[in-house]
Amino acid sequence: MRERKTEIPAWKQEVVAELKKLIERYPVIGVLDIADLPASQFQQMRQRLKGQAEIVVAKNTLVSLAVREMSKTKDPKLSELTSFLRGQTGVIFTEMNPFKLSKLLRDSKISAPAKPGAKAMKDVVIPAGETDFSPGPVVGELQRVGIKARIQAGKVVILEDCHLLKAGDTISKEIADVLPKFGIMPLELGLKLRAAYEKGMIFAGEALEIDEKKTLEQLKLGSLNAFNLALNINYPTALTIGLMIVKANIAAQNLAINACLPVTEVLPLLLAKANAEMRGLAAAIGSRNSQALDEELRNALGLSAIPAA
């Protein structure tokens, strides 16, 4: 009995063929986590990225098939992307480098209302003070989640600041119902980059999430330390050569002055030094016997002639 060969449906073949074209065309391929992202927000973010990146959502098996086939012709390293294909996945294709792509995706996140069971992305603090709530059941709702509230002069007042949530806390149904009353949306929805491929390298998503401000500070400090080191060990570079020449020139001048070498550059300084020493000696002599000095020198030093005894 012959084994029946399973035929791949035409639509699957078309999806794989389209993925292969995109992998061939773009230098950077990323794997996205699109779990818990509503369709409307996904389309909104897809529209924001239009002209900068293309996003394709397909079954992981089809993406894996396309990646493995292209790894045979484009780059064997591509096959490592298949290890990141799990759960709800999207594939992003772009010409920007993975670090810029990661930053773009982080900046494209949007705030969303709280959902029971979700993790808070940031701390939530309810400040003390009057509210716009009408007196009624809302006071009990606030008190049930730990917010100290009561009615004063016909208004609902929060008596003290309440640290309602910390980043990472699980949001309960009661808290999820209360937060919209304050206009607070503690969730951030967006496309998360699990990994990206570029020029034979695979970057994990976590490695691409860098603190730009901190990194720039570190680069500035490293650059300054390198400059100081090169200058102190007399290592010539485009940045240090100018100062090294100035430093050497000053050292040469000091040497010539201390050795009393009559070279053109320091001769005026040597003459000025000799003149100062001569005037100092003359002043010391003149203080004892001004007659020992000629009239010009006495006048220069401000000494008056003392008649000889």
Protein backbone atom coordinates (compact mmCIF):
# COMPACT_ATOMS: atom_id res chain seq x y z
CA MET A 1 0.00 0.00 0.00
CA ARG A 2 1.40 3.34 -1.02
CA GLU A 3 1.93 6.03 1.61
CA ARG A 4 -0.26 8.99 0.87
CA LYS A 5 1.74 12.21 0.46
CA THR A 6 0.31 15.20 2.33
CA GLU A 7 -0.02 18.24 0.14
CA ILE A 8 0.65 21.68 1.59
CA PRO A 9 -2.34 23.97 0.99
CA ALA A 10 -1.74 26.72 -1.56
CA TRP A 11 -2.41 29.52 0.96
CA LYS A 12 0.32 28.21 3.26
CA GLN A 13 2.75 28.08 0.36
CA GLU A 14 1.91 31.70 -0.48
CA VAL A 15 2.53 32.80 3.13
CA VAL A 16 5.91 31.05 3.23
CA ALA A 17 6.87 32.49 -0.16
CA GLU A 18 5.98 36.04 0.99
CA LEU A 19 7.98 35.60 4.20
CA LYS A 20 11.00 34.39 2.24
CA LYS A 21 10.83 37.46 -0.02
CA LEU A 22 10.78 39.78 3.01
CA ILE A 23 13.66 37.93 4.68
CA GLU A 24 15.67 38.27 1.49
CA ARG A 25 14.82 41.96 1.08
CA TYR A 26 15.38 43.34 4.59
CA PRO A 27 18.70 43.31 6.51
CA VAL A 28 17.02 43.23 9.94
CA ILE A 29 14.42 40.64 10.95
CA GLY A 30 12.80 40.71 14.38
CA VAL A 31 10.50 38.39 16.33
CA LEU A 32 7.71 40.20 18.19
CA ASP A 33 5.64 39.20 21.20
CA ILE A 34 2.07 40.33 20.48
CA ALA A 35 0.35 38.52 23.35
CA ASP A 36 -2.45 40.40 25.16
CA LEU A 37 -2.43 43.12 22.51
CA PRO A 38 -5.97 43.85 21.30
CA ALA A 39 -6.51 43.89 17.54
CA SER A 40 -7.40 47.60 17.46
CA GLN A 41 -4.20 48.62 19.28
CA PHE A 42 -2.18 46.27 17.08
CA GLN A 43 -3.49 47.88 13.92
CA GLN A 44 -2.90 51.32 15.41
CA MET A 45 0.75 50.52 16.14
CA ARG A 46 1.15 48.87 12.76
CA GLN A 47 -0.02 52.10 11.16
CA ARG A 48 2.47 54.13 13.22
CA LEU A 49 5.33 52.01 11.89
CA LYS A 50 4.24 52.32 8.27
CA GLY A 51 7.16 53.37 6.08
CA GLN A 52 9.68 52.31 8.73
CA ALA A 53 8.93 48.61 9.14
CA GLU A 54 6.66 45.83 7.89
CA ILE A 55 4.91 43.46 10.30
CA VAL A 56 3.58 40.04 9.33
CA VAL A 57 1.54 37.79 11.60
CA ALA A 58 1.56 34.13 10.60
CA LYS A 59 1.58 30.72 12.24
CA ASN A 60 4.84 29.93 13.97
CA THR A 61 5.23 26.75 11.92
CA LEU A 62 5.08 28.73 8.66
CA VAL A 63 7.50 31.39 9.93
CA SER A 64 9.86 28.67 11.12
CA LEU A 65 9.70 26.96 7.71
CA ALA A 66 10.48 30.21 5.87
CA VAL A 67 13.35 31.08 8.23
CA ARG A 68 14.92 27.62 7.96
CA GLU A 69 14.75 27.63 4.17
CA MET A 70 16.29 31.12 3.95
CA SER A 71 19.04 30.16 6.41
CA LYS A 72 20.34 27.78 3.73
CA THR A 73 20.83 30.56 1.18
CA LYS A 74 21.13 33.84 3.08
CA ASP A 75 22.80 33.05 6.44
CA PRO A 76 22.85 29.91 8.63
CA LYS A 77 22.60 32.17 11.71
CA LEU A 78 19.00 32.97 10.74
CA SER A 79 17.86 29.55 11.94
CA GLU A 80 18.48 30.65 15.57
CA LEU A 81 15.44 32.95 15.32
CA THR A 82 13.19 29.88 15.38
CA SER A 83 13.93 29.38 19.09
CA PHE A 84 12.04 32.64 19.77
CA LEU A 85 8.88 31.53 17.92
CA ARG A 86 6.44 30.71 20.69
CA GLY A 87 2.94 31.80 21.64
CA GLN A 88 1.45 34.77 19.85
CA THR A 89 4.18 35.98 17.53
CA GLY A 90 4.69 38.56 14.82
CA VAL A 91 7.66 39.09 12.51
CA ILE A 92 8.97 42.58 11.80
CA PHE A 93 11.16 43.53 8.84
CA THR A 94 13.10 46.80 8.69
CA GLU A 95 16.26 48.55 7.53
CA MET A 96 16.94 50.32 10.84
CA ASN A 97 19.43 48.70 13.22
CA PRO A 98 18.06 46.52 16.07
CA PHE A 99 18.79 49.12 18.78
CA LYS A 100 16.82 51.82 16.97
CA LEU A 101 14.04 49.35 16.29
CA SER A 102 13.84 48.38 19.95
CA LYS A 103 13.68 52.05 21.01
CA LEU A 104 11.02 52.80 18.40
CA LEU A 105 8.85 49.96 19.68
CA ARG A 106 9.28 51.07 23.31
CA ASP A 107 8.38 54.66 22.42
CA SER A 108 5.31 53.46 20.52
CA LYS A 109 3.66 51.92 23.58
CA ILE A 110 0.25 53.25 24.57
CA SER A 111 -1.41 53.45 28.00
CA ALA A 112 -4.41 51.22 28.64
CA PRO A 113 -7.00 50.76 31.43
CA ALA A 114 -6.34 48.22 34.16
CA LYS A 115 -7.50 44.62 33.74
CA PRO A 116 -8.03 42.19 36.62
CA GLY A 117 -5.13 39.77 36.86
CA ALA A 118 -2.74 41.96 34.86
CA LYS A 119 0.59 43.17 36.23
CA ALA A 120 1.00 46.87 37.00
CA MET A 121 3.71 48.44 34.81
CA LYS A 122 4.40 51.28 37.24
CA ASP A 123 3.68 52.50 40.78
CA VAL A 124 0.25 54.02 41.33
CA VAL A 125 -0.25 56.57 44.12
CA ILE A 126 -3.60 58.18 44.89
CA PRO A 127 -2.88 61.67 46.35
CA ALA A 128 -4.69 63.12 49.32
CA GLY A 129 -7.23 65.88 48.74
CA GLU A 130 -10.73 66.64 47.50
CA THR A 131 -12.20 64.71 44.56
CA ASP A 132 -14.95 65.37 42.03
CA PHE A 133 -16.87 62.28 43.11
CA SER A 134 -20.44 62.66 44.27
CA PRO A 135 -21.10 61.34 47.81
CA GLY A 136 -22.44 57.79 47.73
CA PRO A 137 -21.27 54.20 47.24
CA VAL A 138 -17.96 55.40 45.81
CA VAL A 139 -16.68 55.99 49.36
CA GLY A 140 -17.14 52.33 50.19
CA GLU A 141 -15.44 51.29 46.96
CA LEU A 142 -12.41 53.43 47.78
CA GLN A 143 -12.21 52.14 51.33
CA ARG A 144 -12.37 48.49 50.17
CA VAL A 145 -9.11 48.90 48.20
CA GLY A 146 -7.35 50.65 51.09
CA ILE A 147 -7.95 54.30 50.20
CA LYS A 148 -8.87 56.31 53.28
CA ALA A 149 -11.81 58.44 52.17
CA ARG A 150 -14.81 60.13 53.72
CA ILE A 151 -17.39 62.79 53.01
CA GLN A 152 -16.56 66.33 54.14
CA ALA A 153 -18.72 69.38 53.35
CA GLY A 154 -20.59 67.40 50.71
CA LYS A 155 -17.43 66.24 48.91
CA VAL A 156 -15.51 62.96 48.85
CA VAL A 157 -12.07 63.62 50.32
CA ILE A 158 -8.98 61.39 50.27
CA LEU A 159 -7.49 61.75 53.76
CA GLU A 160 -3.91 60.70 52.97
CA ASP A 161 -1.74 59.56 50.07
CA CYS A 162 -2.32 55.91 49.23
CA HIS A 163 0.35 53.79 47.49
CA LEU A 164 -2.24 51.65 45.73
CA LEU A 165 0.03 49.63 43.43
CA LYS A 166 3.71 48.91 42.98
CA ALA A 167 5.25 47.97 39.65
CA GLY A 168 4.74 44.23 39.18
CA ASP A 169 1.73 43.93 41.52
CA THR A 170 -1.25 41.90 40.29
CA ILE A 171 -4.28 44.13 39.74
CA SER A 172 -7.43 42.93 41.54
CA LYS A 173 -10.94 43.44 40.16
CA GLU A 174 -11.73 46.00 42.88
CA ILE A 175 -8.65 48.08 42.04
CA ALA A 176 -9.34 47.73 38.29
CA ASP A 177 -12.82 49.20 38.92
CA VAL A 178 -11.49 52.11 41.01
CA LEU A 179 -8.57 53.30 38.83
CA PRO A 180 -10.69 54.60 35.90
CA LYS A 181 -12.48 56.92 38.34
CA PHE A 182 -9.15 58.73 38.79
CA GLY A 183 -8.34 58.58 35.06
CA ILE A 184 -5.39 56.27 35.75
CA MET A 185 -4.32 53.75 33.09
CA PRO A 186 -1.51 51.65 34.62
CA LEU A 187 -0.96 49.27 31.72
CA GLU A 188 1.28 49.81 28.70
CA LEU A 189 0.41 48.00 25.51
CA GLY A 190 2.89 47.57 22.75
CA LEU A 191 4.97 45.29 20.58
CA LYS A 192 7.80 43.64 22.48
CA LEU A 193 10.92 42.63 20.59
CA ARG A 194 11.98 39.13 21.62
CA ALA A 195 15.01 38.97 19.31
CA ALA A 196 16.44 40.48 16.14
CA TYR A 197 18.83 39.35 13.41
CA GLU A 198 21.33 41.63 11.65
CA LYS A 199 24.45 40.78 9.61
CA GLY A 200 25.07 37.34 11.05
CA MET A 201 24.24 38.27 14.65
CA ILE A 202 21.23 37.47 16.85
CA PHE A 203 20.38 40.07 19.53
CA ALA A 204 18.13 39.07 22.44
CA GLY A 205 15.43 41.63 23.16
CA GLU A 206 16.75 42.35 26.67
CA ALA A 207 20.19 43.23 25.30
CA LEU A 208 18.63 45.87 23.05
CA GLU A 209 16.87 47.72 25.88
CA ILE A 210 19.54 50.20 26.89
CA ASP A 211 19.32 53.37 28.97
CA GLU A 212 20.43 56.01 26.45
CA LYS A 213 21.13 58.72 29.03
CA LYS A 214 23.21 56.41 31.21
CA THR A 215 25.07 55.00 28.21
CA LEU A 216 25.94 58.48 26.92
CA GLU A 217 27.25 59.47 30.36
CA GLN A 218 29.42 56.34 30.44
CA LEU A 219 30.74 57.06 26.93
CA LYS A 220 31.62 60.64 27.88
CA LEU A 221 33.41 59.51 31.03
CA GLY A 222 35.27 56.77 29.14
CA SER A 223 36.29 59.23 26.43
CA LEU A 224 37.60 61.71 29.01
CA ASN A 225 39.55 59.02 30.87
CA ALA A 226 41.06 57.76 27.60
CA PHE A 227 42.06 61.29 26.62
CA ASN A 228 43.75 61.92 29.99
CA LEU A 229 45.56 58.59 29.84
CA ALA A 230 46.84 59.22 26.30
CA LEU A 231 48.02 62.70 27.28
CA ASN A 232 49.79 61.52 30.43
CA ILE A 233 51.66 58.70 28.69
CA ASN A 234 52.44 60.90 25.66
CA TYR A 235 50.46 58.73 23.25
CA PRO A 236 49.94 60.72 20.03
CA THR A 237 46.36 60.80 18.68
CA ALA A 238 44.41 63.30 16.62
CA LEU A 239 43.01 64.75 19.87
CA THR A 240 46.18 64.75 21.98
CA ILE A 241 48.91 65.72 19.50
CA GLY A 242 48.16 69.44 19.71
CA LEU A 243 48.37 69.55 23.51
CA MET A 244 51.43 67.30 23.48
CA ILE A 245 53.25 69.77 21.21
CA VAL A 246 52.27 72.68 23.48
CA LYS A 247 53.39 70.68 26.53
CA ALA A 248 56.73 69.80 24.88
CA ASN A 249 57.28 73.42 23.83
CA ILE A 250 56.73 74.67 27.39
CA ALA A 251 59.11 72.01 28.75
CA ALA A 252 61.77 72.95 26.18
CA GLN A 253 61.47 76.65 27.05
CA ASN A 254 61.81 75.92 30.78
CA LEU A 255 64.86 73.79 30.12
CA ALA A 256 66.48 76.50 27.98
CA ILE A 257 65.76 79.17 30.59
CA ASN A 258 67.11 77.08 33.48
CA ALA A 259 70.21 76.11 31.46
CA CYS A 260 70.65 79.72 30.22
CA LEU A 261 70.75 78.63 26.58
CA PRO A 262 70.72 81.79 24.41
CA VAL A 263 68.24 80.54 21.76
CA THR A 264 65.98 82.91 19.88
CA GLU A 265 62.73 81.80 21.57
CA VAL A 266 63.94 82.33 25.15
CA LEU A 267 66.55 85.09 24.74
CA PRO A 268 64.10 87.87 25.74
CA LEU A 269 63.20 85.87 28.85
CA LEU A 270 66.89 85.31 29.68
CA LEU A 271 67.58 89.04 29.33
CA ALA A 272 64.58 89.86 31.50
CA LYS A 273 65.78 87.34 34.09
CA ALA A 274 69.34 88.78 34.03
CA ASN A 275 67.95 92.30 34.33
CA ALA A 276 65.80 91.32 37.31
CA GLU A 277 68.76 89.66 39.03
CA MET A 278 70.95 92.71 38.32
CA ARG A 279 68.35 95.07 39.77
CA GLY A 280 67.99 92.85 42.83
CA LEU A 281 71.74 92.87 43.38
CA ALA A 282 71.92 96.64 42.80
CA ALA A 283 69.09 97.23 45.27
CA ALA A 284 70.92 95.21 47.92
CA ILE A 285 74.15 97.14 47.35
CA GLY A 286 72.39 100.51 47.13
CA SER A 287 70.66 99.97 50.46
CA ARG A 288 74.11 99.90 52.09
CA ASN A 289 75.98 102.41 49.95
CA SER A 290 74.16 104.27 47.18
CA GLN A 291 77.48 105.83 46.08
CA ALA A 292 78.48 102.42 44.79
CA LEU A 293 75.85 102.77 42.06
CA ASP A 294 75.90 105.13 39.12
CA GLU A 295 73.28 107.84 38.79
CA GLU A 296 71.19 106.01 36.17
CA LEU A 297 70.89 102.92 38.34
CA ARG A 298 70.07 104.95 41.44
CA ASN A 299 67.32 106.76 39.54
CA ALA A 300 65.96 103.45 38.22
CA LEU A 301 65.85 102.04 41.74
CA GLY A 302 64.54 105.26 43.27
CA LEU A 303 67.59 105.76 45.47
CA SER A 304 68.99 109.20 46.30
CA ALA A 305 72.72 109.80 46.51
CA ILE A 306 74.14 110.09 50.03
CA PRO A 307 77.06 112.54 50.26
CA ALA A 308 80.31 110.82 51.08
CA ALA A 309 81.62 111.47 54.59
